[in-house]
Amino acid sequence: MIKIHTMSSLHYQYQRPQPVAAPKKEEATDKPLTFQEILNQKMKEKNVKLT
């Protein structure tokens, strides 16, 4: 015997729940770093490792 909940989930009249995409946050911090900023970060990391 077929259980009713398995039938109803595949029935053409029942809409399947669609995943909702999270809204993208548009912030100024999301812009890519410049070469100079990346270089400064790398130099700071090296200085911390050396000390």
PDB file of N, CA and C in Angstrom:
ATOM      1  N   MET A   1       0.842  -1.190   0.000  1.00  0.00           N
ATOM      2  CA  MET A   1       0.000   0.000   0.000  1.00  0.00           C
ATOM      3  C   MET A   1       0.885   1.251   0.000  1.00  0.00           C
ATOM      4  N   ILE A   2       0.527   2.229  -0.818  1.00  0.00           N
ATOM      5  CA  ILE A   2       1.307   3.456  -0.942  1.00  0.00           C
ATOM      6  C   ILE A   2       0.863   4.440   0.135  1.00  0.00           C
ATOM      7  N   LYS A   3       1.843   5.023   0.790  1.00  0.00           N
ATOM      8  CA  LYS A   3       1.528   6.020   1.815  1.00  0.00           C
ATOM      9  C   LYS A   3       1.147   7.337   1.140  1.00  0.00           C
ATOM     10  N   ILE A   4       0.215   8.046   1.724  1.00  0.00           N
ATOM     11  CA  ILE A   4      -0.334   9.250   1.091  1.00  0.00           C
ATOM     12  C   ILE A   4       0.691  10.386   1.007  1.00  0.00           C
ATOM     13  N   HIS A   5       1.607  10.488   1.972  1.00  0.00           N
ATOM     14  CA  HIS A   5       2.552  11.603   1.925  1.00  0.00           C
ATOM     15  C   HIS A   5       3.556  11.443   0.795  1.00  0.00           C
ATOM     16  N   THR A   6       3.823  10.205   0.370  1.00  0.00           N
ATOM     17  CA  THR A   6       4.727  10.036  -0.767  1.00  0.00           C
ATOM     18  C   THR A   6       4.024  10.390  -2.065  1.00  0.00           C
ATOM     19  N   MET A   7       2.740  10.149  -2.147  1.00  0.00           N
ATOM     20  CA  MET A   7       1.999  10.488  -3.361  1.00  0.00           C
ATOM     21  C   MET A   7       1.827  11.996  -3.504  1.00  0.00           C
ATOM     22  N   SER A   8       1.495  12.648  -2.433  1.00  0.00           N
ATOM     23  CA  SER A   8       1.202  14.079  -2.530  1.00  0.00           C
ATOM     24  C   SER A   8       2.449  14.898  -2.843  1.00  0.00           C
ATOM     25  N   SER A   9       3.623  14.431  -2.453  1.00  0.00           N
ATOM     26  CA  SER A   9       4.824  15.216  -2.718  1.00  0.00           C
ATOM     27  C   SER A   9       5.185  15.211  -4.201  1.00  0.00           C
ATOM     28  N   LEU A  10       4.721  14.204  -4.946  1.00  0.00           N
ATOM     29  CA  LEU A  10       5.029  14.133  -6.368  1.00  0.00           C
ATOM     30  C   LEU A  10       3.845  14.521  -7.246  1.00  0.00           C
ATOM     31  N   HIS A  11       2.746  14.918  -6.666  1.00  0.00           N
ATOM     32  CA  HIS A  11       1.555  15.246  -7.433  1.00  0.00           C
ATOM     33  C   HIS A  11       1.769  16.536  -8.217  1.00  0.00           C
ATOM     34  N   TYR A  12       1.287  16.577  -9.465  1.00  0.00           N
ATOM     35  CA  TYR A  12       1.558  17.723 -10.326  1.00  0.00           C
ATOM     36  C   TYR A  12       0.878  19.007  -9.855  1.00  0.00           C
ATOM     37  N   GLN A  13      -0.194  18.913  -9.084  1.00  0.00           N
ATOM     38  CA  GLN A  13      -0.880  20.123  -8.627  1.00  0.00           C
ATOM     39  C   GLN A  13      -0.200  20.756  -7.415  1.00  0.00           C
ATOM     40  N   TYR A  14       0.636  20.003  -6.721  1.00  0.00           N
ATOM     41  CA  TYR A  14       1.314  20.535  -5.543  1.00  0.00           C
ATOM     42  C   TYR A  14       2.653  21.128  -5.964  1.00  0.00           C
ATOM     43  N   GLN A  15       2.829  22.392  -5.655  1.00  0.00           N
ATOM     44  CA  GLN A  15       4.086  23.049  -5.992  1.00  0.00           C
ATOM     45  C   GLN A  15       5.174  22.620  -5.020  1.00  0.00           C
ATOM     46  N   ARG A  16       6.317  22.304  -5.551  1.00  0.00           N
ATOM     47  CA  ARG A  16       7.442  21.950  -4.680  1.00  0.00           C
ATOM     48  C   ARG A  16       8.051  23.234  -4.126  1.00  0.00           C
ATOM     49  N   PRO A  17       8.466  23.220  -2.874  1.00  0.00           N
ATOM     50  CA  PRO A  17       9.081  24.432  -2.312  1.00  0.00           C
ATOM     51  C   PRO A  17      10.408  24.736  -3.005  1.00  0.00           C
ATOM     52  N   GLN A  18      10.558  25.970  -3.425  1.00  0.00           N
ATOM     53  CA  GLN A  18      11.782  26.388  -4.098  1.00  0.00           C
ATOM     54  C   GLN A  18      12.694  27.078  -3.090  1.00  0.00           C
ATOM     55  N   PRO A  19      13.988  26.779  -3.129  1.00  0.00           N
ATOM     56  CA  PRO A  19      14.904  27.448  -2.196  1.00  0.00           C
ATOM     57  C   PRO A  19      14.987  28.943  -2.507  1.00  0.00           C
ATOM     58  N   VAL A  20      14.979  29.731  -1.459  1.00  0.00           N
ATOM     59  CA  VAL A  20      15.027  31.179  -1.616  1.00  0.00           C
ATOM     60  C   VAL A  20      16.481  31.614  -1.538  1.00  0.00           C
ATOM     61  N   ALA A  21      16.924  32.315  -2.551  1.00  0.00           N
ATOM     62  CA  ALA A  21      18.301  32.800  -2.570  1.00  0.00           C
ATOM     63  C   ALA A  21      18.432  33.967  -1.601  1.00  0.00           C
ATOM     64  N   ALA A  22      19.505  33.952  -0.817  1.00  0.00           N
ATOM     65  CA  ALA A  22      19.742  35.035   0.134  1.00  0.00           C
ATOM     66  C   ALA A  22      20.055  36.313  -0.638  1.00  0.00           C
ATOM     67  N   PRO A  23      19.514  37.446  -0.217  1.00  0.00           N
ATOM     68  CA  PRO A  23      19.813  38.694  -0.921  1.00  0.00           C
ATOM     69  C   PRO A  23      21.290  39.051  -0.782  1.00  0.00           C
ATOM     70  N   LYS A  24      21.856  39.503  -1.875  1.00  0.00           N
ATOM     71  CA  LYS A  24      23.280  39.857  -1.852  1.00  0.00           C
ATOM     72  C   LYS A  24      23.448  41.203  -1.167  1.00  0.00           C
ATOM     73  N   LYS A  25      24.427  41.264  -0.276  1.00  0.00           N
ATOM     74  CA  LYS A  25      24.697  42.510   0.431  1.00  0.00           C
ATOM     75  C   LYS A  25      25.644  43.353  -0.418  1.00  0.00           C
ATOM     76  N   GLU A  26      25.226  44.566  -0.673  1.00  0.00           N
ATOM     77  CA  GLU A  26      26.070  45.473  -1.442  1.00  0.00           C
ATOM     78  C   GLU A  26      26.708  46.456  -0.469  1.00  0.00           C
ATOM     79  N   GLU A  27      27.946  46.180  -0.136  1.00  0.00           N
ATOM     80  CA  GLU A  27      28.668  47.031   0.803  1.00  0.00           C
ATOM     81  C   GLU A  27      29.945  47.525   0.142  1.00  0.00           C
ATOM     82  N   ALA A  28      30.458  48.602   0.652  1.00  0.00           N
ATOM     83  CA  ALA A  28      31.694  49.158   0.117  1.00  0.00           C
ATOM     84  C   ALA A  28      32.881  48.257   0.443  1.00  0.00           C
ATOM     85  N   THR A  29      32.759  47.419   1.474  1.00  0.00           N
ATOM     86  CA  THR A  29      33.869  46.553   1.871  1.00  0.00           C
ATOM     87  C   THR A  29      34.034  45.366   0.933  1.00  0.00           C
ATOM     88  N   ASP A  30      33.049  45.113   0.057  1.00  0.00           N
ATOM     89  CA  ASP A  30      33.128  43.977  -0.849  1.00  0.00           C
ATOM     90  C   ASP A  30      33.970  44.253  -2.092  1.00  0.00           C
ATOM     91  N   LYS A  31      34.383  45.493  -2.313  1.00  0.00           N
ATOM     92  CA  LYS A  31      35.154  45.790  -3.518  1.00  0.00           C
ATOM     93  C   LYS A  31      36.550  45.171  -3.398  1.00  0.00           C
ATOM     94  N   PRO A  32      37.130  44.762  -4.514  1.00  0.00           N
ATOM     95  CA  PRO A  32      38.440  44.100  -4.468  1.00  0.00           C
ATOM     96  C   PRO A  32      39.533  45.053  -3.993  1.00  0.00           C
ATOM     97  N   LEU A  33      40.520  44.477  -3.325  1.00  0.00           N
ATOM     98  CA  LEU A  33      41.624  45.271  -2.803  1.00  0.00           C
ATOM     99  C   LEU A  33      42.567  45.662  -3.934  1.00  0.00           C
ATOM    100  N   THR A  34      43.197  46.804  -3.780  1.00  0.00           N
ATOM    101  CA  THR A  34      44.183  47.227  -4.766  1.00  0.00           C
ATOM    102  C   THR A  34      45.483  46.479  -4.517  1.00  0.00           C
ATOM    103  N   PHE A  35      46.365  46.538  -5.490  1.00  0.00           N
ATOM    104  CA  PHE A  35      47.653  45.860  -5.363  1.00  0.00           C
ATOM    105  C   PHE A  35      48.426  46.386  -4.155  1.00  0.00           C
ATOM    106  N   GLN A  36      48.386  47.691  -3.954  1.00  0.00           N
ATOM    107  CA  GLN A  36      49.125  48.292  -2.841  1.00  0.00           C
ATOM    108  C   GLN A  36      48.593  47.801  -1.500  1.00  0.00           C
ATOM    109  N   GLU A  37      47.272  47.672  -1.367  1.00  0.00           N
ATOM    110  CA  GLU A  37      46.680  47.193  -0.117  1.00  0.00           C
ATOM    111  C   GLU A  37      47.078  45.743   0.158  1.00  0.00           C
ATOM    112  N   ILE A  38      47.071  44.916  -0.879  1.00  0.00           N
ATOM    113  CA  ILE A  38      47.473  43.513  -0.709  1.00  0.00           C
ATOM    114  C   ILE A  38      48.943  43.435  -0.328  1.00  0.00           C
ATOM    115  N   LEU A  39      49.766  44.247  -0.983  1.00  0.00           N
ATOM    116  CA  LEU A  39      51.199  44.260  -0.684  1.00  0.00           C
ATOM    117  C   LEU A  39      51.441  44.670   0.767  1.00  0.00           C
ATOM    118  N   ASN A  40      50.727  45.674   1.240  1.00  0.00           N
ATOM    119  CA  ASN A  40      50.876  46.111   2.630  1.00  0.00           C
ATOM    120  C   ASN A  40      50.474  45.007   3.603  1.00  0.00           C
ATOM    121  N   GLN A  41      49.398  44.282   3.300  1.00  0.00           N
ATOM    122  CA  GLN A  41      48.967  43.177   4.160  1.00  0.00           C
ATOM    123  C   GLN A  41      50.036  42.100   4.231  1.00  0.00           C
ATOM    124  N   LYS A  42      50.596  41.734   3.079  1.00  0.00           N
ATOM    125  CA  LYS A  42      51.620  40.682   3.038  1.00  0.00           C
ATOM    126  C   LYS A  42      52.856  41.105   3.825  1.00  0.00           C
ATOM    127  N   MET A  43      53.242  42.365   3.689  1.00  0.00           N
ATOM    128  CA  MET A  43      54.420  42.850   4.408  1.00  0.00           C
ATOM    129  C   MET A  43      54.180  42.842   5.914  1.00  0.00           C
ATOM    130  N   LYS A  44      52.970  43.188   6.346  1.00  0.00           N
ATOM    131  CA  LYS A  44      52.646  43.152   7.774  1.00  0.00           C
ATOM    132  C   LYS A  44      52.693  41.726   8.298  1.00  0.00           C
ATOM    133  N   GLU A  45      52.171  40.774   7.518  1.00  0.00           N
ATOM    134  CA  GLU A  45      52.185  39.368   7.933  1.00  0.00           C
ATOM    135  C   GLU A  45      53.616  38.856   8.070  1.00  0.00           C
ATOM    136  N   LYS A  46      54.471  39.227   7.141  1.00  0.00           N
ATOM    137  CA  LYS A  46      55.877  38.797   7.208  1.00  0.00           C
ATOM    138  C   LYS A  46      56.562  39.397   8.431  1.00  0.00           C
ATOM    139  N   ASN A  47      56.284  40.671   8.712  1.00  0.00           N
ATOM    140  CA  ASN A  47      56.900  41.325   9.861  1.00  0.00           C
ATOM    141  C   ASN A  47      56.462  40.665  11.160  1.00  0.00           C
ATOM    142  N   VAL A  48      55.231  40.231  11.248  1.00  0.00           N
ATOM    143  CA  VAL A  48      54.730  39.566  12.452  1.00  0.00           C
ATOM    144  C   VAL A  48      55.416  38.215  12.610  1.00  0.00           C
ATOM    145  N   LYS A  49      55.614  37.484  11.513  1.00  0.00           N
ATOM    146  CA  LYS A  49      56.250  36.169  11.572  1.00  0.00           C
ATOM    147  C   LYS A  49      57.720  36.282  11.959  1.00  0.00           C
ATOM    148  N   LEU A  50      58.381  37.356  11.528  1.00  0.00           N
ATOM    149  CA  LEU A  50      59.800  37.519  11.812  1.00  0.00           C
ATOM    150  C   LEU A  50      60.060  37.878  13.268  1.00  0.00           C
ATOM    151  N   THR A  51      59.132  38.559  13.913  1.00  0.00           N
ATOM    152  CA  THR A  51      59.371  38.987  15.298  1.00  0.00           C
ATOM    153  C   THR A  51      58.957  37.941  16.298  1.00  0.00           C
TER     154      THR A  51
END
